[in-house]
Amino acid sequence: MKGFRCRLNDVSPFVEDGTYPFTRRLFIAICRDGTPDETAGIAYVNMLLSKEGQKLVEKAGYVPLR
């Protein structure tokens, strides 16, 4: 793989710039039907996208969006 470098416990620069060859996406679907489940789903997504939530995302091993 062209330009592939691996450093133990430090691969995030390669993930962030798209050169790391293995990725996994996280999708969250919300059913927009006016139910309490919709309200909870929106709150969950908002929490994940918050500053605190992004720290949790990173702690779980994902690359934060923000």
Protein backbone atom coordinates (compact mmCIF):
# COMPACT_ATOMS: atom_id res chain seq x y z
CA MET A 1 0.00 0.00 0.00
CA LYS A 2 1.50 3.24 -1.11
CA GLY A 3 2.50 5.47 1.76
CA PHE A 4 1.24 3.07 4.43
CA ARG A 5 2.88 3.56 7.80
CA CYS A 6 1.87 2.04 11.09
CA ARG A 7 2.84 3.18 14.54
CA LEU A 8 1.59 1.22 17.51
CA ASN A 9 -1.17 3.11 19.35
CA ASP A 10 -0.94 6.09 17.00
CA VAL A 11 -2.87 5.57 13.79
CA SER A 12 -5.32 8.46 14.10
CA PRO A 13 -3.45 10.82 11.70
CA PHE A 14 -3.80 8.19 8.99
CA VAL A 15 -7.48 7.68 9.74
CA GLU A 16 -8.20 11.40 9.71
CA ASP A 17 -6.49 12.09 6.38
CA GLY A 18 -8.03 9.02 4.71
CA THR A 19 -4.81 7.09 4.13
CA TYR A 20 -5.52 4.37 6.70
CA PRO A 21 -6.79 1.39 4.68
CA PHE A 22 -9.37 0.02 7.13
CA THR A 23 -12.41 1.98 8.23
CA ARG A 24 -15.72 1.36 9.92
CA ARG A 25 -18.64 3.76 9.75
CA LEU A 26 -21.19 4.35 12.45
CA PHE A 27 -24.74 5.09 11.30
CA ILE A 28 -27.60 6.17 13.52
CA ALA A 29 -31.09 6.03 12.04
CA ILE A 30 -34.00 7.99 13.48
CA CYS A 31 -37.57 7.16 12.55
CA ARG A 32 -39.29 10.53 12.01
CA ASP A 33 -42.73 9.55 13.24
CA GLY A 34 -43.43 11.96 16.11
CA THR A 35 -43.06 9.28 18.80
CA PRO A 36 -41.01 9.42 22.00
CA ASP A 37 -38.48 7.18 20.20
CA GLU A 38 -37.90 9.96 17.68
CA THR A 39 -37.35 12.48 20.46
CA ALA A 40 -34.90 10.14 22.20
CA GLY A 41 -33.06 9.46 18.94
CA ILE A 42 -32.63 13.15 18.21
CA ALA A 43 -31.39 13.77 21.75
CA TYR A 44 -28.91 10.88 21.38
CA VAL A 45 -27.52 12.23 18.11
CA ASN A 46 -27.24 15.73 19.55
CA MET A 47 -25.36 14.34 22.55
CA LEU A 48 -22.97 12.40 20.29
CA LEU A 49 -22.27 15.53 18.24
CA SER A 50 -21.69 17.72 21.31
CA LYS A 51 -18.19 18.44 22.61
CA GLU A 52 -18.65 15.92 25.43
CA GLY A 53 -20.16 13.36 23.06
CA GLN A 54 -17.24 13.66 20.65
CA LYS A 55 -14.88 12.90 23.52
CA LEU A 56 -16.92 9.75 24.22
CA VAL A 57 -16.83 8.81 20.54
CA GLU A 58 -13.04 9.13 20.53
CA LYS A 59 -12.75 7.18 23.80
CA ALA A 60 -14.77 4.36 22.17
CA GLY A 61 -12.18 4.14 19.40
CA TYR A 62 -13.90 6.13 16.67
CA VAL A 63 -12.57 9.27 15.01
CA PRO A 64 -14.61 12.27 16.14
CA LEU A 65 -16.35 14.37 13.49
CA ARG A 66 -15.67 17.65 15.22
